[in-house]
PDB file of N, CA and C in Angstrom:
ATOM      1  N   THR A   1      19.323   8.083 -13.157  1.00  0.00           N
ATOM      2  CA  THR A   1      18.490   7.149 -12.762  1.00  0.00           C
ATOM      3  C   THR A   1      16.547   7.729 -13.284  1.00  0.00           C
ATOM      4  N   SER A   2      16.157   6.954 -13.606  1.00  0.00           N
ATOM      5  CA  SER A   2      14.855   6.478 -13.788  1.00  0.00           C
ATOM      6  C   SER A   2      13.954   5.947 -13.307  1.00  0.00           C
ATOM      7  N   TYR A   3      12.389   6.567 -13.048  1.00  0.00           N
ATOM      8  CA  TYR A   3      11.241   5.570 -11.672  1.00  0.00           C
ATOM      9  C   TYR A   3      10.384   5.238 -12.894  1.00  0.00           C
ATOM     10  N   ALA A   4       9.166   4.564 -12.996  1.00  0.00           N
ATOM     11  CA  ALA A   4       8.457   4.418 -13.514  1.00  0.00           C
ATOM     12  C   ALA A   4       7.031   3.942 -12.278  1.00  0.00           C
ATOM     13  N   ILE A   5       5.990   4.523 -12.818  1.00  0.00           N
ATOM     14  CA  ILE A   5       4.856   3.947 -11.784  1.00  0.00           C
ATOM     15  C   ILE A   5       3.772   3.415 -12.518  1.00  0.00           C
ATOM     16  N   VAL A   6       3.545   2.519 -11.234  1.00  0.00           N
ATOM     17  CA  VAL A   6       3.408   0.621 -11.384  1.00  0.00           C
ATOM     18  C   VAL A   6       2.288   0.998 -10.190  1.00  0.00           C
ATOM     19  N   PRO A   7       0.534   0.094 -10.945  1.00  0.00           N
ATOM     20  CA  PRO A   7      -0.470   0.663 -10.106  1.00  0.00           C
ATOM     21  C   PRO A   7      -0.506  -1.298  -9.723  1.00  0.00           C
ATOM     22  N   LEU A   8      -0.792  -0.755  -8.201  1.00  0.00           N
ATOM     23  CA  LEU A   8      -0.686  -1.848  -7.384  1.00  0.00           C
ATOM     24  C   LEU A   8      -1.580  -2.687  -7.919  1.00  0.00           C
ATOM     25  N   ASP A   9      -1.819  -3.795  -8.383  1.00  0.00           N
ATOM     26  CA  ASP A   9      -3.063  -4.184  -9.304  1.00  0.00           C
ATOM     27  C   ASP A   9      -3.254  -5.287  -9.302  1.00  0.00           C
ATOM     28  N   GLY A  10      -3.673  -6.437 -10.233  1.00  0.00           N
ATOM     29  CA  GLY A  10      -4.279  -7.657 -10.745  1.00  0.00           C
ATOM     30  C   GLY A  10      -3.205  -7.855 -11.928  1.00  0.00           C
ATOM     31  N   ASN A  11      -2.936  -6.630 -12.342  1.00  0.00           N
ATOM     32  CA  ASN A  11      -1.896  -6.995 -13.573  1.00  0.00           C
ATOM     33  C   ASN A  11       0.498  -6.784 -12.973  1.00  0.00           C
ATOM     34  N   MET A  12       0.180  -6.426 -11.345  1.00  0.00           N
ATOM     35  CA  MET A  12       1.428  -6.870 -11.708  1.00  0.00           C
ATOM     36  C   MET A  12       2.512  -7.744 -11.636  1.00  0.00           C
ATOM     37  N   ASN A  13       1.796  -8.887 -10.780  1.00  0.00           N
ATOM     38  CA  ASN A  13       2.243 -10.050 -11.073  1.00  0.00           C
ATOM     39  C   ASN A  13       2.601 -10.183 -12.298  1.00  0.00           C
ATOM     40  N   THR A  14       2.111 -10.085 -13.465  1.00  0.00           N
ATOM     41  CA  THR A  14       3.230 -10.576 -15.259  1.00  0.00           C
ATOM     42  C   THR A  14       3.226  -9.332 -15.095  1.00  0.00           C
ATOM     43  N   ASN A  15       3.740  -8.298 -14.880  1.00  0.00           N
ATOM     44  CA  ASN A  15       4.682  -6.052 -15.506  1.00  0.00           C
ATOM     45  C   ASN A  15       6.180  -7.037 -15.255  1.00  0.00           C
ATOM     46  N   ALA A  16       6.418  -7.073 -16.558  1.00  0.00           N
ATOM     47  CA  ALA A  16       8.218  -7.965 -16.640  1.00  0.00           C
ATOM     48  C   ALA A  16       9.561  -6.755 -15.937  1.00  0.00           C
ATOM     49  N   ALA A  17       8.368  -6.011 -15.784  1.00  0.00           N
ATOM     50  CA  ALA A  17       9.154  -4.693 -15.926  1.00  0.00           C
ATOM     51  C   ALA A  17      10.126  -4.401 -13.788  1.00  0.00           C
ATOM     52  N   LEU A  18       8.472  -4.727 -14.042  1.00  0.00           N
ATOM     53  CA  LEU A  18       8.299  -4.769 -12.144  1.00  0.00           C
ATOM     54  C   LEU A  18       9.403  -6.050 -11.616  1.00  0.00           C
ATOM     55  N   SER A  19       9.596  -6.933 -12.488  1.00  0.00           N
ATOM     56  CA  SER A  19       9.423  -8.276 -12.356  1.00  0.00           C
ATOM     57  C   SER A  19      11.658  -8.691 -11.858  1.00  0.00           C
ATOM     58  N   ALA A  20      11.617  -7.965 -12.834  1.00  0.00           N
ATOM     59  CA  ALA A  20      13.240  -8.085 -13.473  1.00  0.00           C
ATOM     60  C   ALA A  20      13.799  -6.978 -12.481  1.00  0.00           C
ATOM     61  N   SER A  21      12.937  -5.881 -12.276  1.00  0.00           N
ATOM     62  CA  SER A  21      13.241  -4.726 -11.697  1.00  0.00           C
ATOM     63  C   SER A  21      14.056  -6.088  -9.708  1.00  0.00           C
ATOM     64  N   GLY A  22      13.592  -6.689  -9.571  1.00  0.00           N
ATOM     65  CA  GLY A  22      13.508  -7.465  -8.142  1.00  0.00           C
ATOM     66  C   GLY A  22      12.130  -7.413  -7.129  1.00  0.00           C
ATOM     67  N   HIS A  23      11.594  -5.844  -7.267  1.00  0.00           N
ATOM     68  CA  HIS A  23      10.684  -5.387  -6.603  1.00  0.00           C
ATOM     69  C   HIS A  23       9.804  -5.682  -6.155  1.00  0.00           C
ATOM     70  N   LEU A  24       9.639  -6.349  -7.202  1.00  0.00           N
ATOM     71  CA  LEU A  24       8.054  -7.619  -6.930  1.00  0.00           C
ATOM     72  C   LEU A  24       7.811  -8.189  -5.684  1.00  0.00           C
ATOM     73  N   SER A  25       8.016  -8.126  -4.916  1.00  0.00           N
ATOM     74  CA  SER A  25       7.721  -8.961  -3.401  1.00  0.00           C
ATOM     75  C   SER A  25       7.665  -7.444  -2.775  1.00  0.00           C
ATOM     76  N   ARG A  26       7.630  -6.786  -2.964  1.00  0.00           N
ATOM     77  CA  ARG A  26       8.187  -5.224  -2.404  1.00  0.00           C
ATOM     78  C   ARG A  26       6.860  -4.660  -2.807  1.00  0.00           C
ATOM     79  N   ALA A  27       6.101  -4.681  -3.843  1.00  0.00           N
ATOM     80  CA  ALA A  27       4.769  -3.881  -4.256  1.00  0.00           C
ATOM     81  C   ALA A  27       3.596  -4.775  -3.763  1.00  0.00           C
ATOM     82  N   GLN A  28       3.899  -6.412  -3.147  1.00  0.00           N
ATOM     83  CA  GLN A  28       2.769  -7.694  -3.604  1.00  0.00           C
ATOM     84  C   GLN A  28       2.563  -6.566  -1.633  1.00  0.00           C
ATOM     85  N   GLN A  29       3.655  -7.243  -0.465  1.00  0.00           N
ATOM     86  CA  GLN A  29       3.949  -6.780   0.537  1.00  0.00           C
ATOM     87  C   GLN A  29       2.491  -4.991   0.422  1.00  0.00           C
ATOM     88  N   ALA A  30       2.997  -4.342  -0.043  1.00  0.00           N
ATOM     89  CA  ALA A  30       2.573  -2.878  -0.509  1.00  0.00           C
ATOM     90  C   ALA A  30       1.414  -2.292  -0.331  1.00  0.00           C
ATOM     91  N   LEU A  31       0.242  -3.392  -1.652  1.00  0.00           N
ATOM     92  CA  LEU A  31      -0.527  -3.607  -1.827  1.00  0.00           C
ATOM     93  C   LEU A  31      -0.965  -4.687  -0.722  1.00  0.00           C
ATOM     94  N   SER A  32      -0.534  -5.561  -0.384  1.00  0.00           N
ATOM     95  CA  SER A  32      -1.109  -6.553   1.095  1.00  0.00           C
ATOM     96  C   SER A  32      -1.544  -4.846   2.471  1.00  0.00           C
ATOM     97  N   ASP A  33      -0.279  -3.969   2.311  1.00  0.00           N
ATOM     98  CA  ASP A  33      -0.084  -3.279   3.528  1.00  0.00           C
ATOM     99  C   ASP A  33      -1.267  -2.287   3.094  1.00  0.00           C
ATOM    100  N   ILE A  34      -1.749  -2.010   2.459  1.00  0.00           N
ATOM    101  CA  ILE A  34      -2.724  -0.975   2.367  1.00  0.00           C
ATOM    102  C   ILE A  34      -4.569  -0.807   2.602  1.00  0.00           C
ATOM    103  N   THR A  35      -4.244  -2.183   1.797  1.00  0.00           N
ATOM    104  CA  THR A  35      -5.120  -3.260   2.126  1.00  0.00           C
ATOM    105  C   THR A  35      -6.378  -3.422   3.271  1.00  0.00           C
ATOM    106  N   ASN A  36      -4.990  -3.679   4.386  1.00  0.00           N
ATOM    107  CA  ASN A  36      -5.578  -3.846   5.643  1.00  0.00           C
ATOM    108  C   ASN A  36      -5.695  -2.706   6.395  1.00  0.00           C
ATOM    109  N   LEU A  37      -5.501  -2.262   5.673  1.00  0.00           N
ATOM    110  CA  LEU A  37      -5.314  -0.428   6.415  1.00  0.00           C
ATOM    111  C   LEU A  37      -6.424  -0.009   5.942  1.00  0.00           C
ATOM    112  N   ILE A  38      -6.931   0.427   4.926  1.00  0.00           N
ATOM    113  CA  ILE A  38      -8.593   1.158   3.866  1.00  0.00           C
ATOM    114  C   ILE A  38      -9.475   0.666   4.002  1.00  0.00           C
ATOM    115  N   GLY A  39      -9.228  -1.354   3.643  1.00  0.00           N
ATOM    116  CA  GLY A  39     -10.025  -2.034   3.216  1.00  0.00           C
ATOM    117  C   GLY A  39     -10.288  -3.024   1.563  1.00  0.00           C
ATOM    118  N   GLN A  40     -10.195  -3.348   1.727  1.00  0.00           N
ATOM    119  CA  GLN A  40     -10.857  -3.930   0.251  1.00  0.00           C
ATOM    120  C   GLN A  40     -12.009  -2.725  -0.781  1.00  0.00           C
ATOM    121  N   ASN A  41     -12.715  -2.806  -0.130  1.00  0.00           N
ATOM    122  CA  ASN A  41     -13.806  -1.519  -0.720  1.00  0.00           C
ATOM    123  C   ASN A  41     -13.125  -0.310  -0.983  1.00  0.00           C
ATOM    124  N   TYR A  42     -12.971   0.139  -1.190  1.00  0.00           N
ATOM    125  CA  TYR A  42     -11.731   0.890  -1.648  1.00  0.00           C
ATOM    126  C   TYR A  42     -10.376   0.449  -2.455  1.00  0.00           C
ATOM    127  N   ILE A  43     -10.712  -0.769  -2.342  1.00  0.00           N
ATOM    128  CA  ILE A  43      -9.260  -1.117  -3.495  1.00  0.00           C
ATOM    129  C   ILE A  43      -9.688  -1.718  -5.050  1.00  0.00           C
ATOM    130  N   ASP A  44     -10.882  -2.261  -4.508  1.00  0.00           N
ATOM    131  CA  ASP A  44     -12.469  -2.600  -5.488  1.00  0.00           C
ATOM    132  C   ASP A  44     -12.705  -1.218  -6.133  1.00  0.00           C
ATOM    133  N   GLY A  45     -13.020  -0.198  -6.088  1.00  0.00           N
ATOM    134  CA  GLY A  45     -12.491   1.414  -6.157  1.00  0.00           C
ATOM    135  C   GLY A  45     -14.746   1.742  -5.890  1.00  0.00           C
ATOM    136  N   VAL A  46     -15.382   0.686  -4.888  1.00  0.00           N
ATOM    137  CA  VAL A  46     -16.145   1.497  -3.398  1.00  0.00           C
ATOM    138  C   VAL A  46     -16.231   2.432  -2.786  1.00  0.00           C
ATOM    139  N   ASP A  47     -16.667   3.187  -2.782  1.00  0.00           N
ATOM    140  CA  ASP A  47     -16.370   4.697  -1.861  1.00  0.00           C
ATOM    141  C   ASP A  47     -17.711   4.876  -0.581  1.00  0.00           C
ATOM    142  N   LEU A  48     -17.394   4.675   0.117  1.00  0.00           N
ATOM    143  CA  LEU A  48     -18.679   4.444   1.926  1.00  0.00           C
ATOM    144  C   LEU A  48     -18.542   6.230   1.581  1.00  0.00           C
ATOM    145  N   ASP A  49     -20.238   5.874   2.436  1.00  0.00           N
ATOM    146  CA  ASP A  49     -21.247   7.289   2.197  1.00  0.00           C
ATOM    147  C   ASP A  49     -19.964   7.497   3.914  1.00  0.00           C
ATOM    148  N   MET A  50     -20.384   9.000   4.486  1.00  0.00           N
ATOM    149  CA  MET A  50     -20.452   9.322   6.216  1.00  0.00           C
ATOM    150  C   MET A  50     -20.699   8.637   6.799  1.00  0.00           C
ATOM    151  N   THR A  51     -22.330   7.368   6.769  1.00  0.00           N
ATOM    152  CA  THR A  51     -22.435   7.078   6.944  1.00  0.00           C
ATOM    153  C   THR A  51     -22.034   5.282   7.227  1.00  0.00           C
ATOM    154  N   GLY A  52     -21.026   5.493   6.065  1.00  0.00           N
ATOM    155  CA  GLY A  52     -20.446   4.270   6.581  1.00  0.00           C
ATOM    156  C   GLY A  52     -21.008   2.449   5.246  1.00  0.00           C
ATOM    157  N   HIS A  53     -21.790   3.427   4.363  1.00  0.00           N
ATOM    158  CA  HIS A  53     -22.790   2.559   3.709  1.00  0.00           C
ATOM    159  C   HIS A  53     -22.052   2.603   2.693  1.00  0.00           C
ATOM    160  N   GLY A  54     -22.038   1.095   1.682  1.00  0.00           N
ATOM    161  CA  GLY A  54     -20.825   1.529   0.181  1.00  0.00           C
ATOM    162  C   GLY A  54     -21.658   1.499  -0.291  1.00  0.00           C
ATOM    163  N   SER A  55     -21.710   2.575  -1.436  1.00  0.00           N
ATOM    164  CA  SER A  55     -22.222   2.882  -2.950  1.00  0.00           C
ATOM    165  C   SER A  55     -20.707   2.987  -3.714  1.00  0.00           C
ATOM    166  N   SER A  56     -21.686   2.227  -4.915  1.00  0.00           N
ATOM    167  CA  SER A  56     -20.440   1.942  -6.166  1.00  0.00           C
ATOM    168  C   SER A  56     -20.053   3.343  -6.931  1.00  0.00           C
ATOM    169  N   SER A  57     -19.177   3.666  -6.351  1.00  0.00           N
ATOM    170  CA  SER A  57     -19.119   5.392  -7.736  1.00  0.00           C
ATOM    171  C   SER A  57     -18.978   5.693  -9.431  1.00  0.00           C
ATOM    172  N   SER A  58     -19.323   6.138  -9.870  1.00  0.00           N
ATOM    173  CA  SER A  58     -20.001   6.123 -11.671  1.00  0.00           C
ATOM    174  C   SER A  58     -19.741   8.071 -11.632  1.00  0.00           C
ATOM    175  N   GLU A  59     -19.988   8.248 -12.784  1.00  0.00           N
ATOM    176  CA  GLU A  59     -20.102  10.215 -12.932  1.00  0.00           C
ATOM    177  C   GLU A  59     -21.581  10.566 -12.722  1.00  0.00           C
ATOM    178  N   SER A  60     -22.736   9.738 -13.297  1.00  0.00           N
ATOM    179  CA  SER A  60     -23.478  10.649 -12.814  1.00  0.00           C
ATOM    180  C   SER A  60     -23.723  10.406 -10.747  1.00  0.00           C
ATOM    181  N   GLU A  61     -23.287   9.942 -10.334  1.00  0.00           N
ATOM    182  CA  GLU A  61     -23.378  10.317  -8.718  1.00  0.00           C
ATOM    183  C   GLU A  61     -23.299  11.116  -8.301  1.00  0.00           C
ATOM    184  N   ARG A  62     -21.449  12.080  -9.434  1.00  0.00           N
ATOM    185  CA  ARG A  62     -20.870  13.074  -8.815  1.00  0.00           C
ATOM    186  C   ARG A  62     -21.225  13.549  -8.852  1.00  0.00           C
ATOM    187  N   PRO A  63     -21.120  15.247  -7.742  1.00  0.00           N
ATOM    188  CA  PRO A  63     -22.111  16.511  -8.366  1.00  0.00           C
ATOM    189  C   PRO A  63     -20.895  17.529  -8.810  1.00  0.00           C
ATOM    190  N   ALA A  64     -21.703  18.428 -10.336  1.00  0.00           N
ATOM    191  CA  ALA A  64     -20.669  18.962 -11.061  1.00  0.00           C
ATOM    192  C   ALA A  64     -19.762  19.397 -10.555  1.00  0.00           C
ATOM    193  N   ALA A  65     -18.475  19.420 -10.992  1.00  0.00           N
ATOM    194  CA  ALA A  65     -17.804  20.458 -10.629  1.00  0.00           C
ATOM    195  C   ALA A  65     -17.073  22.065 -10.969  1.00  0.00           C
TER     196      ALA A  65
END
């Protein structure tokens, strides 16, 4: 058995392997479910701070490790 990780993004609808597997509708439903659960801001890469205000993430804004 082999497995592949397929990002749930705008490219999944044109992913030939995903379409061939018969799981495209399942992937689309998973993306819809997670979007409804956590919100579109996180899907788009926007982090919310503790006050609930959105801010775009960038390397310069992140604390040094």
